[in-house]
């Protein structure tokens, strides 16, 4: 069986989620960098019709969309199981995945992180507006975290792997650092998971 290939840049939060799933499952894989700062090649557009990342290929099977890729990895390879068997815990995992996809990423990454870390002249109004949704995301997360060690269970799930790359960038901004400090459950989770081997191994080098 051939090793899978993931197409996307190492700095992409969504590509990192897929990589985290493979690292947690002990899957050997190749990462083929795709520069999303440049016009997409015809080759990549054939992999992902919207030109986004990541895309994934394994033994001739091609798929895109991060959650679909992560679930395929979890269900196709031996190793850690990243989706709880318990239906309530699995539903909580899916809920958190949806929250980050719909609200966390657009506010924390597309607005706060991009403006604060990568814009030569940050748009302070855009950051302020985005923090309303970012704070609501963290408040929701603070209320959803139960007694387990991780977001949806006592073991790492796909919810954690979706959250890690987003929170990692967000926590590097002054707004993110201050926001996390106000949420003890989210902060405890982040301090618990940020030094996990899969997390440190996939941490992007931004120079």
C-alpha atoms as a PDB file:
ATOM      1  CA  UNK A   1       0.000   0.000   0.000  1.00  0.00           C
ATOM      2  CA  UNK A   2       1.470   3.353  -1.032  1.00  0.00           C
ATOM      3  CA  UNK A   3       1.938   6.167   1.448  1.00  0.00           C
ATOM      4  CA  UNK A   4      -0.615   8.985   1.094  1.00  0.00           C
ATOM      5  CA  UNK A   5       0.243  12.420  -0.272  1.00  0.00           C
ATOM      6  CA  UNK A   6      -1.130  15.642   1.133  1.00  0.00           C
ATOM      7  CA  UNK A   7      -1.122  18.705  -1.100  1.00  0.00           C
ATOM      8  CA  UNK A   8      -0.913  22.010   0.720  1.00  0.00           C
ATOM      9  CA  UNK A   9       1.535  24.368   2.443  1.00  0.00           C
ATOM     10  CA  UNK A  10       2.902  23.482   5.859  1.00  0.00           C
ATOM     11  CA  UNK A  11       1.680  26.831   7.215  1.00  0.00           C
ATOM     12  CA  UNK A  12      -1.976  26.142   6.320  1.00  0.00           C
ATOM     13  CA  UNK A  13      -4.144  25.450   9.359  1.00  0.00           C
ATOM     14  CA  UNK A  14      -6.314  23.015   7.417  1.00  0.00           C
ATOM     15  CA  UNK A  15      -3.355  21.151   5.952  1.00  0.00           C
ATOM     16  CA  UNK A  16      -1.902  20.947   9.440  1.00  0.00           C
ATOM     17  CA  UNK A  17      -5.113  19.370  10.762  1.00  0.00           C
ATOM     18  CA  UNK A  18      -4.779  16.584   8.181  1.00  0.00           C
ATOM     19  CA  UNK A  19      -1.094  16.189   9.031  1.00  0.00           C
ATOM     20  CA  UNK A  20      -1.937  16.000  12.738  1.00  0.00           C
ATOM     21  CA  UNK A  21      -4.376  13.172  12.013  1.00  0.00           C
ATOM     22  CA  UNK A  22      -1.654  11.250  10.191  1.00  0.00           C
ATOM     23  CA  UNK A  23       0.919  11.929  12.899  1.00  0.00           C
ATOM     24  CA  UNK A  24      -1.493  10.755  15.597  1.00  0.00           C
ATOM     25  CA  UNK A  25      -2.127   7.569  13.611  1.00  0.00           C
ATOM     26  CA  UNK A  26       1.542   6.962  12.835  1.00  0.00           C
ATOM     27  CA  UNK A  27       0.926   7.265   9.085  1.00  0.00           C
ATOM     28  CA  UNK A  28       3.918   7.843   6.822  1.00  0.00           C
ATOM     29  CA  UNK A  29       3.008  10.453   4.246  1.00  0.00           C
ATOM     30  CA  UNK A  30       4.418  12.942   1.776  1.00  0.00           C
ATOM     31  CA  UNK A  31       3.644  16.643   1.957  1.00  0.00           C
ATOM     32  CA  UNK A  32       3.682  18.319  -1.447  1.00  0.00           C
ATOM     33  CA  UNK A  33       3.784  22.062  -0.965  1.00  0.00           C
ATOM     34  CA  UNK A  34       1.217  24.173  -2.821  1.00  0.00           C
ATOM     35  CA  UNK A  35       1.849  27.916  -2.783  1.00  0.00           C
ATOM     36  CA  UNK A  36      -1.553  29.438  -2.091  1.00  0.00           C
ATOM     37  CA  UNK A  37      -0.093  32.933  -2.323  1.00  0.00           C
ATOM     38  CA  UNK A  38       0.271  32.438  -6.071  1.00  0.00           C
ATOM     39  CA  UNK A  39      -2.315  31.611  -8.777  1.00  0.00           C
ATOM     40  CA  UNK A  40      -3.155  27.917  -8.565  1.00  0.00           C
ATOM     41  CA  UNK A  41      -1.735  25.634 -11.209  1.00  0.00           C
ATOM     42  CA  UNK A  42      -3.999  23.660 -13.521  1.00  0.00           C
ATOM     43  CA  UNK A  43      -2.707  20.530 -11.794  1.00  0.00           C
ATOM     44  CA  UNK A  44      -3.909  21.708  -8.398  1.00  0.00           C
ATOM     45  CA  UNK A  45      -7.215  22.962  -9.774  1.00  0.00           C
ATOM     46  CA  UNK A  46      -7.804  19.431 -11.021  1.00  0.00           C
ATOM     47  CA  UNK A  47      -7.292  18.199  -7.445  1.00  0.00           C
ATOM     48  CA  UNK A  48      -9.462  20.878  -5.814  1.00  0.00           C
ATOM     49  CA  UNK A  49     -11.872  22.779  -8.094  1.00  0.00           C
ATOM     50  CA  UNK A  50     -11.921  25.846  -5.800  1.00  0.00           C
ATOM     51  CA  UNK A  51      -8.127  25.888  -5.649  1.00  0.00           C
ATOM     52  CA  UNK A  52      -8.081  25.533  -1.877  1.00  0.00           C
ATOM     53  CA  UNK A  53      -5.973  23.289   0.337  1.00  0.00           C
ATOM     54  CA  UNK A  54      -5.489  20.606   1.320  1.00  0.00           C
ATOM     55  CA  UNK A  55      -6.110  17.883  -1.209  1.00  0.00           C
ATOM     56  CA  UNK A  56      -5.236  14.270  -0.532  1.00  0.00           C
ATOM     57  CA  UNK A  57      -4.416  11.130  -2.486  1.00  0.00           C
ATOM     58  CA  UNK A  58      -3.961   7.550  -1.352  1.00  0.00           C
ATOM     59  CA  UNK A  59      -3.642   4.505  -3.598  1.00  0.00           C
ATOM     60  CA  UNK A  60      -5.356   6.350  -6.439  1.00  0.00           C
ATOM     61  CA  UNK A  61      -8.182   7.592  -4.212  1.00  0.00           C
ATOM     62  CA  UNK A  62      -8.436  11.392  -4.339  1.00  0.00           C
ATOM     63  CA  UNK A  63     -10.345  13.552  -1.911  1.00  0.00           C
ATOM     64  CA  UNK A  64     -10.498  17.129  -0.648  1.00  0.00           C
ATOM     65  CA  UNK A  65     -12.133  18.968   2.299  1.00  0.00           C
ATOM     66  CA  UNK A  66     -10.253  18.699   5.574  1.00  0.00           C
ATOM     67  CA  UNK A  67     -12.888  16.962   7.653  1.00  0.00           C
ATOM     68  CA  UNK A  68     -13.390  14.311   4.970  1.00  0.00           C
ATOM     69  CA  UNK A  69      -9.634  13.781   4.721  1.00  0.00           C
ATOM     70  CA  UNK A  70      -9.212  13.522   8.501  1.00  0.00           C
ATOM     71  CA  UNK A  71     -12.073  11.035   8.832  1.00  0.00           C
ATOM     72  CA  UNK A  72     -10.664   8.931   5.998  1.00  0.00           C
ATOM     73  CA  UNK A  73      -7.270   8.865   7.710  1.00  0.00           C
ATOM     74  CA  UNK A  74      -8.813   7.898  11.028  1.00  0.00           C
ATOM     75  CA  UNK A  75     -10.905   5.118   9.514  1.00  0.00           C
ATOM     76  CA  UNK A  76      -8.348   3.713   7.045  1.00  0.00           C
ATOM     77  CA  UNK A  77      -5.182   3.291   9.079  1.00  0.00           C
ATOM     78  CA  UNK A  78      -4.349   1.560  12.336  1.00  0.00           C
ATOM     79  CA  UNK A  79      -3.379   3.600  15.346  1.00  0.00           C
ATOM     80  CA  UNK A  80      -5.160   6.068  17.557  1.00  0.00           C
ATOM     81  CA  UNK A  81      -8.894   6.408  17.086  1.00  0.00           C
ATOM     82  CA  UNK A  82      -9.752  10.059  16.716  1.00  0.00           C
ATOM     83  CA  UNK A  83     -13.553   9.772  16.721  1.00  0.00           C
ATOM     84  CA  UNK A  84     -15.283   8.712  19.960  1.00  0.00           C
ATOM     85  CA  UNK A  85     -17.403   5.577  19.884  1.00  0.00           C
ATOM     86  CA  UNK A  86     -19.853   7.171  22.313  1.00  0.00           C
ATOM     87  CA  UNK A  87     -22.536   8.958  20.299  1.00  0.00           C
ATOM     88  CA  UNK A  88     -22.780  11.970  22.620  1.00  0.00           C
ATOM     89  CA  UNK A  89     -19.025  12.530  22.646  1.00  0.00           C
ATOM     90  CA  UNK A  90     -18.917  12.112  18.878  1.00  0.00           C
ATOM     91  CA  UNK A  91     -21.735  14.643  18.505  1.00  0.00           C
ATOM     92  CA  UNK A  92     -19.805  17.071  20.718  1.00  0.00           C
ATOM     93  CA  UNK A  93     -16.723  16.541  18.565  1.00  0.00           C
ATOM     94  CA  UNK A  94     -18.724  17.271  15.421  1.00  0.00           C
ATOM     95  CA  UNK A  95     -20.233  20.363  17.027  1.00  0.00           C
ATOM     96  CA  UNK A  96     -16.785  21.758  17.868  1.00  0.00           C
ATOM     97  CA  UNK A  97     -15.529  20.967  14.372  1.00  0.00           C
ATOM     98  CA  UNK A  98     -18.427  22.978  12.972  1.00  0.00           C
ATOM     99  CA  UNK A  99     -17.816  25.889  15.340  1.00  0.00           C
ATOM    100  CA  UNK A 100     -14.196  26.240  14.270  1.00  0.00           C
ATOM    101  CA  UNK A 101     -15.019  25.803  10.602  1.00  0.00           C
ATOM    102  CA  UNK A 102     -17.857  28.329  10.587  1.00  0.00           C
ATOM    103  CA  UNK A 103     -16.833  30.868  13.225  1.00  0.00           C
ATOM    104  CA  UNK A 104     -13.360  30.246  14.640  1.00  0.00           C
ATOM    105  CA  UNK A 105     -11.350  30.227  11.440  1.00  0.00           C
ATOM    106  CA  UNK A 106     -13.046  33.243   9.775  1.00  0.00           C
ATOM    107  CA  UNK A 107     -12.620  35.455  12.844  1.00  0.00           C
ATOM    108  CA  UNK A 108      -9.356  34.237  14.372  1.00  0.00           C
ATOM    109  CA  UNK A 109      -7.357  33.473  11.228  1.00  0.00           C
ATOM    110  CA  UNK A 110      -8.911  35.332   8.287  1.00  0.00           C
ATOM    111  CA  UNK A 111      -9.202  38.533  10.279  1.00  0.00           C
ATOM    112  CA  UNK A 112      -7.174  38.770  13.509  1.00  0.00           C
ATOM    113  CA  UNK A 113      -4.107  36.679  12.593  1.00  0.00           C
ATOM    114  CA  UNK A 114      -3.857  37.870   8.991  1.00  0.00           C
ATOM    115  CA  UNK A 115      -4.176  41.515   9.984  1.00  0.00           C
ATOM    116  CA  UNK A 116      -2.007  41.402  13.096  1.00  0.00           C
ATOM    117  CA  UNK A 117       0.762  39.090  11.911  1.00  0.00           C
ATOM    118  CA  UNK A 118       0.946  39.508   8.154  1.00  0.00           C
ATOM    119  CA  UNK A 119      -0.431  42.904   7.198  1.00  0.00           C
ATOM    120  CA  UNK A 120       2.073  45.808   7.005  1.00  0.00           C
ATOM    121  CA  UNK A 121      -0.683  48.095   8.296  1.00  0.00           C
ATOM    122  CA  UNK A 122      -3.237  46.148  10.369  1.00  0.00           C
ATOM    123  CA  UNK A 123      -6.855  47.192  10.033  1.00  0.00           C
ATOM    124  CA  UNK A 124      -7.703  47.817  13.689  1.00  0.00           C
ATOM    125  CA  UNK A 125     -11.428  48.096  13.000  1.00  0.00           C
ATOM    126  CA  UNK A 126     -11.439  44.738  11.241  1.00  0.00           C
ATOM    127  CA  UNK A 127      -9.599  43.163  14.166  1.00  0.00           C
ATOM    128  CA  UNK A 128     -11.996  44.710  16.674  1.00  0.00           C
ATOM    129  CA  UNK A 129     -15.031  43.472  14.751  1.00  0.00           C
ATOM    130  CA  UNK A 130     -13.567  39.982  14.335  1.00  0.00           C
ATOM    131  CA  UNK A 131     -12.841  39.711  18.052  1.00  0.00           C
ATOM    132  CA  UNK A 132     -16.584  39.778  18.750  1.00  0.00           C
ATOM    133  CA  UNK A 133     -16.942  36.443  16.921  1.00  0.00           C
ATOM    134  CA  UNK A 134     -13.604  35.134  18.227  1.00  0.00           C
ATOM    135  CA  UNK A 135     -14.670  35.822  21.813  1.00  0.00           C
ATOM    136  CA  UNK A 136     -18.017  34.145  21.194  1.00  0.00           C
ATOM    137  CA  UNK A 137     -16.186  31.105  19.785  1.00  0.00           C
ATOM    138  CA  UNK A 138     -13.989  30.861  22.876  1.00  0.00           C
ATOM    139  CA  UNK A 139     -16.965  31.374  25.206  1.00  0.00           C
ATOM    140  CA  UNK A 140     -18.797  28.549  23.450  1.00  0.00           C
ATOM    141  CA  UNK A 141     -15.746  26.330  23.752  1.00  0.00           C
ATOM    142  CA  UNK A 142     -15.314  27.202  27.424  1.00  0.00           C
ATOM    143  CA  UNK A 143     -18.893  26.084  28.037  1.00  0.00           C
ATOM    144  CA  UNK A 144     -18.630  22.891  25.997  1.00  0.00           C
ATOM    145  CA  UNK A 145     -15.438  21.490  27.502  1.00  0.00           C
ATOM    146  CA  UNK A 146     -16.375  18.764  29.957  1.00  0.00           C
ATOM    147  CA  UNK A 147     -14.378  16.841  32.535  1.00  0.00           C
ATOM    148  CA  UNK A 148     -12.123  15.101  29.997  1.00  0.00           C
ATOM    149  CA  UNK A 149      -8.550  16.098  29.232  1.00  0.00           C
ATOM    150  CA  UNK A 150      -9.405  17.269  25.728  1.00  0.00           C
ATOM    151  CA  UNK A 151     -12.160  19.169  23.958  1.00  0.00           C
ATOM    152  CA  UNK A 152     -14.680  16.374  23.436  1.00  0.00           C
ATOM    153  CA  UNK A 153     -13.276  13.368  25.271  1.00  0.00           C
ATOM    154  CA  UNK A 154     -10.559  12.126  27.586  1.00  0.00           C
ATOM    155  CA  UNK A 155      -8.555  11.309  24.452  1.00  0.00           C
ATOM    156  CA  UNK A 156      -7.566  13.491  21.520  1.00  0.00           C
ATOM    157  CA  UNK A 157     -10.229  13.693  18.806  1.00  0.00           C
ATOM    158  CA  UNK A 158     -10.598  15.422  15.467  1.00  0.00           C
ATOM    159  CA  UNK A 159     -12.029  18.402  17.361  1.00  0.00           C
ATOM    160  CA  UNK A 160      -8.646  18.985  18.984  1.00  0.00           C
ATOM    161  CA  UNK A 161      -6.836  18.577  15.691  1.00  0.00           C
ATOM    162  CA  UNK A 162      -9.044  21.181  14.042  1.00  0.00           C
ATOM    163  CA  UNK A 163      -8.602  23.613  16.933  1.00  0.00           C
ATOM    164  CA  UNK A 164      -4.846  23.284  17.442  1.00  0.00           C
ATOM    165  CA  UNK A 165      -3.595  25.047  14.272  1.00  0.00           C
ATOM    166  CA  UNK A 166      -6.112  27.872  14.655  1.00  0.00           C
ATOM    167  CA  UNK A 167      -5.446  28.482  18.344  1.00  0.00           C
ATOM    168  CA  UNK A 168      -1.686  28.197  17.791  1.00  0.00           C
ATOM    169  CA  UNK A 169      -1.703  31.177  15.426  1.00  0.00           C
ATOM    170  CA  UNK A 170      -4.351  33.075  17.385  1.00  0.00           C
ATOM    171  CA  UNK A 171      -2.458  32.708  20.681  1.00  0.00           C
ATOM    172  CA  UNK A 172       0.547  34.393  19.064  1.00  0.00           C
ATOM    173  CA  UNK A 173      -1.388  37.672  18.715  1.00  0.00           C
ATOM    174  CA  UNK A 174      -1.893  40.091  21.628  1.00  0.00           C
ATOM    175  CA  UNK A 175      -5.666  39.750  21.247  1.00  0.00           C
ATOM    176  CA  UNK A 176      -5.520  35.971  21.234  1.00  0.00           C
ATOM    177  CA  UNK A 177      -3.199  35.765  24.219  1.00  0.00           C
ATOM    178  CA  UNK A 178      -5.471  38.037  26.258  1.00  0.00           C
ATOM    179  CA  UNK A 179      -8.609  36.187  25.166  1.00  0.00           C
ATOM    180  CA  UNK A 180      -7.219  32.787  26.140  1.00  0.00           C
ATOM    181  CA  UNK A 181      -6.174  34.091  29.548  1.00  0.00           C
ATOM    182  CA  UNK A 182      -9.835  34.862  30.301  1.00  0.00           C
ATOM    183  CA  UNK A 183     -10.955  31.270  29.619  1.00  0.00           C
ATOM    184  CA  UNK A 184      -9.402  28.855  32.147  1.00  0.00           C
ATOM    185  CA  UNK A 185     -10.723  25.661  30.548  1.00  0.00           C
ATOM    186  CA  UNK A 186      -9.557  26.609  27.059  1.00  0.00           C
ATOM    187  CA  UNK A 187      -6.192  27.757  28.447  1.00  0.00           C
ATOM    188  CA  UNK A 188      -5.728  24.514  30.376  1.00  0.00           C
ATOM    189  CA  UNK A 189      -6.508  22.518  27.239  1.00  0.00           C
ATOM    190  CA  UNK A 190      -4.043  24.555  25.186  1.00  0.00           C
ATOM    191  CA  UNK A 191      -1.281  24.194  27.766  1.00  0.00           C
ATOM    192  CA  UNK A 192      -1.946  20.457  27.863  1.00  0.00           C
ATOM    193  CA  UNK A 193      -1.836  19.851  24.111  1.00  0.00           C
ATOM    194  CA  UNK A 194       0.603  22.408  22.690  1.00  0.00           C
ATOM    195  CA  UNK A 195       3.684  20.310  23.496  1.00  0.00           C
ATOM    196  CA  UNK A 196       2.223  17.022  22.249  1.00  0.00           C
ATOM    197  CA  UNK A 197       4.672  15.367  19.775  1.00  0.00           C
ATOM    198  CA  UNK A 198       2.295  15.619  16.801  1.00  0.00           C
ATOM    199  CA  UNK A 199       1.747  19.314  17.519  1.00  0.00           C
ATOM    200  CA  UNK A 200       5.411  20.240  17.844  1.00  0.00           C
ATOM    201  CA  UNK A 201       6.358  18.167  14.792  1.00  0.00           C
ATOM    202  CA  UNK A 202       3.825  19.910  12.536  1.00  0.00           C
ATOM    203  CA  UNK A 203       4.377  23.442  13.839  1.00  0.00           C
ATOM    204  CA  UNK A 204       5.090  25.632  10.803  1.00  0.00           C
ATOM    205  CA  UNK A 205       8.380  27.474  10.516  1.00  0.00           C
ATOM    206  CA  UNK A 206       7.425  31.010   9.543  1.00  0.00           C
ATOM    207  CA  UNK A 207      11.031  32.210   9.552  1.00  0.00           C
END
